[in-house]
Amino acid sequence: MALFYIHHNLDGWAAKLPTKECVGVFDFLPADLRLPIAFEDADESNDSHIESGKDHGDSLDSHFWTDPLMVKAIVPQLTETLSRLDPQGSGVYHANSERFVRDLDALDTQLQETLASVKSRPVFLFHPSLQYLLKRYGLVFAGCIEPFPGKEPSPKYLQGIVDRLKAAHAKAIFTEPQLSPRPAQAVAEAAGVKLFELDPNGGVPGRESYSELLLYNARILREALE
């Protein structure tokens, strides 16, 4: 039995579960396609600085699934790994992978069409979980409320985000359903912008499938930024 997980900096606890083999699928993504995490420096002496993740542990952003073409890039090695683990199912895995790649290309086309009208718009996220999506479709990651998951930002840091929202003439800021919306609500009110919700994980009615999830986020981005 094998267990597949994303990456040790996201769900590394899974690699410690008792199983014959653990497979980190982020390792299938070619190195030149991996993005660094754009950490916001939450230190109150330097609230507005953005750095590449140096000195913050693992600096790679493992949320690659928010871009369907990044998922497409892992399909060949994922298929070979499944075939190695289950040789009898190899034919099924290869047939399914070909169909899946076609679906990913179609999804990419839909996302391009949905987001074409908001290219180059600044996007302020709750935390940097959708960088792959933004980069792929030409939007600009301009800042986030919670630089480090689980660590609430200081009032001074939040004021810096408010100032940057105003300076960028941003139209919205985004929450995530897995996290408390209170900091984002306060920032939205202070900056005079609207509040919308993006979802990096899905698994709820209306965004249970992969395509539903990405199209939901694209529609929310278009609605918020047009």
Protein backbone atom coordinates (compact mmCIF):
# COMPACT_ATOMS: atom_id res chain seq x y z
CA MET A 1 0.00 0.00 0.00
CA ALA A 2 1.26 3.49 -0.87
CA LEU A 3 0.21 6.87 0.43
CA PHE A 4 0.41 9.96 -1.76
CA TYR A 5 0.82 13.40 -0.19
CA ILE A 6 1.80 16.84 -1.48
CA HIS A 7 5.02 17.97 0.20
CA HIS A 8 6.64 17.96 3.62
CA ASN A 9 6.13 21.72 4.06
CA LEU A 10 2.37 21.33 3.59
CA ASP A 11 1.26 17.92 4.84
CA GLY A 12 4.48 16.24 5.87
CA TRP A 13 2.70 14.57 8.78
CA ALA A 14 1.32 12.10 6.21
CA ALA A 15 4.82 10.79 5.49
CA LYS A 16 5.00 9.57 9.08
CA LEU A 17 1.94 7.36 8.80
CA PRO A 18 2.56 3.59 8.85
CA THR A 19 2.50 2.54 5.20
CA LYS A 20 4.78 0.62 2.86
CA GLU A 21 5.65 3.64 0.71
CA CYS A 22 4.98 7.39 0.89
CA VAL A 23 5.11 9.45 -2.30
CA GLY A 24 5.43 13.25 -2.29
CA VAL A 25 3.85 14.37 -5.55
CA PHE A 26 5.36 17.87 -5.45
CA ASP A 27 8.69 16.16 -6.16
CA PHE A 28 7.29 15.21 -9.59
CA LEU A 29 7.08 18.87 -10.57
CA PRO A 30 10.16 19.88 -12.62
CA ALA A 31 12.44 22.14 -10.60
CA ASP A 32 12.26 24.99 -13.09
CA LEU A 33 8.47 25.21 -12.66
CA ARG A 34 8.48 25.47 -8.87
CA LEU A 35 7.75 28.89 -7.37
CA PRO A 36 9.29 30.32 -4.22
CA ILE A 37 6.95 31.37 -1.46
CA ALA A 38 6.58 35.14 -1.46
CA PHE A 39 6.84 35.65 2.27
CA GLU A 40 5.71 38.94 3.68
CA ASP A 41 8.09 40.04 6.41
CA ALA A 42 5.77 40.32 9.39
CA ASP A 43 8.37 41.91 11.66
CA GLU A 44 6.97 45.22 12.85
CA SER A 45 10.20 47.02 12.05
CA ASN A 46 9.84 46.12 8.36
CA ASP A 47 6.17 45.54 7.72
CA SER A 48 6.01 46.28 4.01
CA HIS A 49 8.99 44.24 2.83
CA ILE A 50 8.49 41.18 0.62
CA GLU A 51 11.24 38.61 0.52
CA SER A 52 11.70 35.33 -1.22
CA GLY A 53 11.42 33.05 1.79
CA LYS A 54 15.07 33.03 2.83
CA ASP A 55 15.53 32.12 6.50
CA HIS A 56 11.91 30.98 6.73
CA GLY A 57 12.61 27.27 6.29
CA ASP A 58 11.54 25.64 3.06
CA SER A 59 11.08 28.43 0.52
CA LEU A 60 9.12 26.47 -2.11
CA ASP A 61 5.43 27.04 -2.65
CA SER A 62 3.82 23.61 -2.85
CA HIS A 63 0.30 24.78 -3.85
CA PHE A 64 1.02 23.81 -7.46
CA TRP A 65 -2.46 22.36 -8.05
CA THR A 66 -3.97 25.84 -8.41
CA ASP A 67 -2.52 25.84 -11.95
CA PRO A 68 -3.82 23.00 -14.17
CA LEU A 69 -0.71 23.09 -16.35
CA MET A 70 1.44 22.42 -13.29
CA VAL A 71 -0.74 19.39 -12.60
CA LYS A 72 -0.28 18.36 -16.23
CA ALA A 73 3.50 18.53 -15.73
CA ILE A 74 3.41 15.88 -12.98
CA VAL A 75 1.15 13.44 -14.84
CA PRO A 76 3.90 11.46 -16.65
CA GLN A 77 5.89 10.65 -13.52
CA LEU A 78 2.72 10.12 -11.47
CA THR A 79 1.50 7.61 -14.06
CA GLU A 80 4.80 5.75 -14.07
CA THR A 81 4.83 5.63 -10.27
CA LEU A 82 1.31 4.19 -10.15
CA SER A 83 2.27 1.65 -12.80
CA ARG A 84 5.34 0.61 -10.80
CA LEU A 85 3.27 0.17 -7.65
CA ASP A 86 0.48 -1.67 -9.45
CA PRO A 87 1.81 -3.22 -12.68
CA GLN A 88 -1.48 -4.96 -13.44
CA GLY A 89 -3.24 -1.60 -13.60
CA SER A 90 -0.64 0.07 -15.82
CA GLY A 91 -2.86 0.08 -18.91
CA VAL A 92 -5.68 1.76 -17.03
CA TYR A 93 -3.37 4.37 -15.53
CA HIS A 94 -1.92 5.31 -18.92
CA ALA A 95 -5.35 5.52 -20.56
CA ASN A 96 -6.71 7.62 -17.72
CA SER A 97 -3.68 9.92 -17.78
CA GLU A 98 -4.21 10.67 -21.48
CA ARG A 99 -7.84 11.58 -20.81
CA PHE A 100 -6.87 13.62 -17.76
CA VAL A 101 -4.32 15.64 -19.75
CA ARG A 102 -7.00 16.51 -22.31
CA ASP A 103 -9.29 17.62 -19.48
CA LEU A 104 -6.54 19.78 -18.00
CA ASP A 105 -5.92 21.49 -21.34
CA ALA A 106 -9.64 22.20 -21.68
CA LEU A 107 -9.75 23.56 -18.13
CA ASP A 108 -6.78 25.82 -18.87
CA THR A 109 -8.64 27.26 -21.86
CA GLN A 110 -11.71 27.94 -19.70
CA LEU A 111 -9.59 29.67 -17.06
CA GLN A 112 -7.84 31.81 -19.66
CA GLU A 113 -11.21 32.96 -20.99
CA THR A 114 -12.63 33.61 -17.53
CA LEU A 115 -9.68 35.68 -16.33
CA ALA A 116 -8.76 37.52 -19.53
CA SER A 117 -10.57 40.70 -18.44
CA VAL A 118 -8.62 41.03 -15.15
CA LYS A 119 -5.04 40.43 -16.31
CA SER A 120 -2.42 42.55 -14.53
CA ARG A 121 -4.81 43.43 -11.69
CA PRO A 122 -3.27 43.43 -8.19
CA VAL A 123 -4.48 40.65 -5.90
CA PHE A 124 -4.24 40.70 -2.11
CA LEU A 125 -4.74 37.23 -0.64
CA PHE A 126 -5.28 35.97 2.88
CA HIS A 127 -2.06 33.99 2.62
CA PRO A 128 0.08 33.11 -0.41
CA SER A 129 -1.75 29.94 -1.50
CA LEU A 130 -2.75 30.81 -5.08
CA GLN A 131 0.49 32.11 -6.55
CA TYR A 132 0.58 29.48 -9.31
CA LEU A 133 -2.93 30.41 -10.43
CA LEU A 134 -2.16 34.13 -10.42
CA LYS A 135 1.10 33.75 -12.33
CA ARG A 136 -0.36 31.45 -14.97
CA TYR A 137 -3.21 33.81 -15.83
CA GLY A 138 -1.38 37.11 -15.61
CA LEU A 139 -2.60 38.50 -12.30
CA VAL A 140 -0.25 40.15 -9.81
CA PHE A 141 0.24 38.86 -6.27
CA ALA A 142 0.48 42.15 -4.38
CA GLY A 143 0.38 41.11 -0.73
CA CYS A 144 -1.27 38.95 1.89
CA ILE A 145 -2.81 39.32 5.32
CA GLU A 146 -1.36 36.27 7.03
CA PRO A 147 2.23 35.74 5.86
CA PHE A 148 2.81 32.66 7.99
CA PRO A 149 -0.09 30.18 8.45
CA GLY A 150 -1.42 30.21 11.99
CA LYS A 151 0.44 33.39 12.99
CA GLU A 152 -1.85 36.39 13.34
CA PRO A 153 -0.40 39.60 11.86
CA SER A 154 0.23 42.61 14.09
CA PRO A 155 -1.96 45.75 13.90
CA LYS A 156 1.00 47.62 12.41
CA TYR A 157 1.42 44.99 9.71
CA LEU A 158 -2.29 45.14 8.87
CA GLN A 159 -2.10 48.92 8.59
CA GLY A 160 0.70 48.41 6.07
CA ILE A 161 -1.57 46.15 4.02
CA VAL A 162 -4.30 48.80 4.16
CA ASP A 163 -1.86 51.41 2.86
CA ARG A 164 -0.73 49.12 0.05
CA LEU A 165 -4.31 48.32 -0.95
CA LYS A 166 -5.02 52.01 -1.27
CA ALA A 167 -1.80 52.73 -3.15
CA ALA A 168 -2.51 49.92 -5.63
CA HIS A 169 -6.12 51.07 -6.09
CA ALA A 170 -7.11 47.49 -5.39
CA LYS A 171 -10.80 46.61 -5.53
CA ALA A 172 -10.93 43.68 -3.13
CA ILE A 173 -9.24 41.48 -0.60
CA PHE A 174 -9.84 37.77 -0.18
CA THR A 175 -10.48 35.39 2.69
CA GLU A 176 -10.30 31.59 2.69
CA PRO A 177 -12.99 29.29 4.16
CA GLN A 178 -10.41 27.35 6.17
CA LEU A 179 -9.27 30.46 8.09
CA SER A 180 -10.88 33.12 10.27
CA PRO A 181 -12.10 36.07 8.17
CA ARG A 182 -11.74 38.64 10.97
CA PRO A 183 -8.37 40.16 9.94
CA ALA A 184 -9.52 40.44 6.33
CA GLN A 185 -12.79 42.02 7.39
CA ALA A 186 -10.94 44.66 9.37
CA VAL A 187 -8.56 45.40 6.48
CA ALA A 188 -11.40 45.58 3.94
CA GLU A 189 -13.32 48.03 6.08
CA ALA A 190 -10.28 50.23 6.73
CA ALA A 191 -9.24 50.25 3.07
CA GLY A 192 -12.74 50.67 1.69
CA VAL A 193 -12.58 47.56 -0.51
CA LYS A 194 -14.89 44.60 -0.95
CA LEU A 195 -14.36 41.22 0.69
CA PHE A 196 -14.51 37.98 -1.31
CA GLU A 197 -13.66 34.35 -0.56
CA LEU A 198 -11.23 32.16 -2.50
CA ASP A 199 -10.79 28.48 -1.75
CA PRO A 200 -7.50 26.62 -2.32
CA ASN A 201 -8.83 23.27 -1.09
CA GLY A 202 -12.46 22.68 -2.08
CA GLY A 203 -14.27 19.54 -0.99
CA VAL A 204 -17.61 21.28 -0.43
CA PRO A 205 -20.78 21.36 -2.58
CA GLY A 206 -20.21 23.32 -5.77
CA ARG A 207 -16.47 22.79 -5.75
CA GLU A 208 -16.02 19.10 -5.05
CA SER A 209 -14.19 18.30 -8.27
CA TYR A 210 -10.88 19.79 -9.34
CA SER A 211 -12.34 21.71 -12.28
CA GLU A 212 -15.20 23.06 -10.16
CA LEU A 213 -12.70 24.37 -7.62
CA LEU A 214 -10.49 26.21 -10.10
CA LEU A 215 -13.40 27.65 -12.06
CA TYR A 216 -14.99 28.83 -8.81
CA ASN A 217 -11.82 30.72 -7.90
CA ALA A 218 -11.55 32.19 -11.39
CA ARG A 219 -15.12 33.45 -11.31
CA ILE A 220 -14.63 34.99 -7.88
CA LEU A 221 -11.47 36.75 -9.04
CA ARG A 222 -13.23 38.13 -12.11
CA GLU A 223 -16.23 39.29 -10.10
CA ALA A 224 -14.03 40.97 -7.51
CA LEU A 225 -11.55 42.66 -9.85
CA GLU A 226 -13.56 43.76 -12.88
